[in-house]
């Protein structure tokens, strides 16, 4: 089994087919989207492929160590973080192809008008894991 990170982006990836920002969705559309995500995770829990996942709040702060005996330095929030990363999910699957299959399915979560978003998800293997690509 290999672990992969699925990253959902607010911006920064190619535009999805249903390109209406979430802050313009109705409460029902947001609820339907979240239900799809929860159902997807529950199904993967049953197969043992779900590790963890979270939606992220748009607020954030960068923190840096500033030397012994000094308080951490903070700056932000930076748009690069809050505008890009909307949430994440970690999956543990048998192959790269399965990871791609699941990412494609997650990309179909409903958005505005109840239509699939077809958003681009970033799929990244955990460091030190070589994806197994079967032919």
Protein backbone atom coordinates (compact mmCIF):
# COMPACT_ATOMS: atom_id res chain seq x y z
CA UNK A 1 0.00 0.00 0.00
CA UNK A 2 1.18 3.53 -0.74
CA UNK A 3 -0.06 6.76 0.78
CA UNK A 4 -1.05 9.71 -1.38
CA UNK A 5 -2.12 13.22 -0.54
CA UNK A 6 -5.06 14.66 -2.47
CA UNK A 7 -4.99 18.47 -2.30
CA UNK A 8 -8.05 20.54 -3.06
CA UNK A 9 -7.16 24.03 -4.22
CA UNK A 10 -9.17 27.23 -4.11
CA UNK A 11 -7.03 28.68 -6.88
CA UNK A 12 -3.77 27.96 -8.62
CA UNK A 13 -4.81 24.90 -10.60
CA UNK A 14 -6.40 24.98 -14.04
CA UNK A 15 -9.99 26.21 -13.85
CA UNK A 16 -12.56 23.50 -13.17
CA UNK A 17 -15.47 22.93 -15.55
CA UNK A 18 -18.00 24.25 -13.01
CA UNK A 19 -15.96 27.32 -12.07
CA UNK A 20 -18.22 29.09 -9.58
CA UNK A 21 -16.34 29.97 -6.35
CA UNK A 22 -17.73 28.31 -3.23
CA UNK A 23 -18.47 31.65 -1.60
CA UNK A 24 -21.10 32.13 -4.33
CA UNK A 25 -22.83 28.78 -3.72
CA UNK A 26 -26.14 28.46 -1.91
CA UNK A 27 -26.16 26.85 1.55
CA UNK A 28 -27.78 23.76 -0.02
CA UNK A 29 -25.03 23.51 -2.65
CA UNK A 30 -22.38 23.70 0.08
CA UNK A 31 -24.23 21.08 2.12
CA UNK A 32 -24.48 18.76 -0.91
CA UNK A 33 -20.78 19.19 -1.63
CA UNK A 34 -19.81 18.40 1.96
CA UNK A 35 -22.12 15.38 1.99
CA UNK A 36 -20.44 14.06 -1.16
CA UNK A 37 -17.04 14.46 0.49
CA UNK A 38 -18.21 12.73 3.68
CA UNK A 39 -19.82 9.86 1.73
CA UNK A 40 -16.64 9.44 -0.32
CA UNK A 41 -14.51 9.27 2.84
CA UNK A 42 -16.94 6.83 4.51
CA UNK A 43 -16.79 4.51 1.50
CA UNK A 44 -12.98 4.57 1.59
CA UNK A 45 -13.02 3.88 5.34
CA UNK A 46 -14.90 0.65 4.59
CA UNK A 47 -12.26 -0.45 2.05
CA UNK A 48 -9.37 0.57 4.33
CA UNK A 49 -8.14 3.19 1.86
CA UNK A 50 -9.02 6.32 3.88
CA UNK A 51 -6.38 7.67 6.26
CA UNK A 52 -7.55 11.21 7.08
CA UNK A 53 -8.88 14.39 5.54
CA UNK A 54 -9.94 17.89 6.50
CA UNK A 55 -11.34 21.04 5.01
CA UNK A 56 -9.24 24.07 5.88
CA UNK A 57 -10.40 27.49 7.05
CA UNK A 58 -9.33 30.37 4.79
CA UNK A 59 -7.38 32.04 7.61
CA UNK A 60 -3.76 31.18 8.26
CA UNK A 61 -0.44 32.48 9.56
CA UNK A 62 3.14 31.62 8.71
CA UNK A 63 5.29 30.93 11.79
CA UNK A 64 9.10 30.78 11.89
CA UNK A 65 11.62 29.91 14.59
CA UNK A 66 13.66 33.06 15.31
CA UNK A 67 16.48 31.76 17.48
CA UNK A 68 17.08 30.45 20.97
CA UNK A 69 15.11 32.30 23.65
CA UNK A 70 13.23 34.42 21.13
CA UNK A 71 9.53 34.16 20.40
CA UNK A 72 8.45 32.72 17.07
CA UNK A 73 8.03 35.23 14.27
CA UNK A 74 4.63 35.37 12.62
CA UNK A 75 3.56 36.95 9.38
CA UNK A 76 0.47 36.58 7.31
CA UNK A 77 -1.91 35.34 6.44
CA UNK A 78 -0.37 35.00 3.03
CA UNK A 79 -2.67 34.71 0.08
CA UNK A 80 -0.52 31.89 -1.29
CA UNK A 81 -1.74 29.63 1.53
CA UNK A 82 -5.30 30.62 2.27
CA UNK A 83 -6.23 31.08 -1.38
CA UNK A 84 -4.65 27.88 -2.62
CA UNK A 85 -5.25 25.02 -0.20
CA UNK A 86 -8.92 24.34 0.50
CA UNK A 87 -8.56 20.90 2.04
CA UNK A 88 -6.79 17.60 1.87
CA UNK A 89 -7.31 13.88 2.07
CA UNK A 90 -4.77 11.11 2.64
CA UNK A 91 -5.46 7.77 1.03
CA UNK A 92 -3.59 4.47 1.30
CA UNK A 93 -4.02 2.45 -1.89
CA UNK A 94 -2.48 -0.48 -3.75
CA UNK A 95 -1.38 1.41 -6.85
CA UNK A 96 -0.90 4.74 -8.52
CA UNK A 97 -3.78 3.91 -10.85
CA UNK A 98 -6.12 3.45 -7.89
CA UNK A 99 -5.00 6.82 -6.50
CA UNK A 100 -5.73 8.45 -9.87
CA UNK A 101 -9.12 6.71 -10.02
CA UNK A 102 -10.10 8.00 -6.57
CA UNK A 103 -8.84 11.52 -7.30
CA UNK A 104 -10.96 11.55 -10.45
CA UNK A 105 -14.00 10.48 -8.50
CA UNK A 106 -13.42 13.11 -5.83
CA UNK A 107 -13.10 15.72 -8.59
CA UNK A 108 -16.74 15.08 -9.44
CA UNK A 109 -18.05 16.52 -6.15
CA UNK A 110 -21.09 18.72 -6.80
CA UNK A 111 -20.80 22.49 -6.87
CA UNK A 112 -22.96 25.34 -8.11
CA UNK A 113 -26.27 24.16 -9.52
CA UNK A 114 -25.60 20.67 -8.17
CA UNK A 115 -23.38 19.95 -11.17
CA UNK A 116 -19.99 18.21 -10.75
CA UNK A 117 -17.13 20.65 -10.30
CA UNK A 118 -14.62 18.59 -12.30
CA UNK A 119 -11.95 20.40 -10.31
CA UNK A 120 -8.28 19.62 -10.66
CA UNK A 121 -6.88 17.85 -7.59
CA UNK A 122 -3.20 17.63 -6.83
CA UNK A 123 -2.16 14.02 -6.25
CA UNK A 124 1.15 13.59 -4.44
CA UNK A 125 2.77 10.45 -3.09
CA UNK A 126 4.28 10.65 0.36
CA UNK A 127 8.04 11.27 0.26
CA UNK A 128 10.04 8.10 -0.11
CA UNK A 129 7.20 6.22 -1.81
CA UNK A 130 7.74 5.30 -5.41
CA UNK A 131 4.40 5.07 -7.19
CA UNK A 132 3.69 1.58 -8.50
CA UNK A 133 2.32 1.99 -12.01
CA UNK A 134 0.85 -1.19 -13.39
CA UNK A 135 0.37 -1.74 -17.09
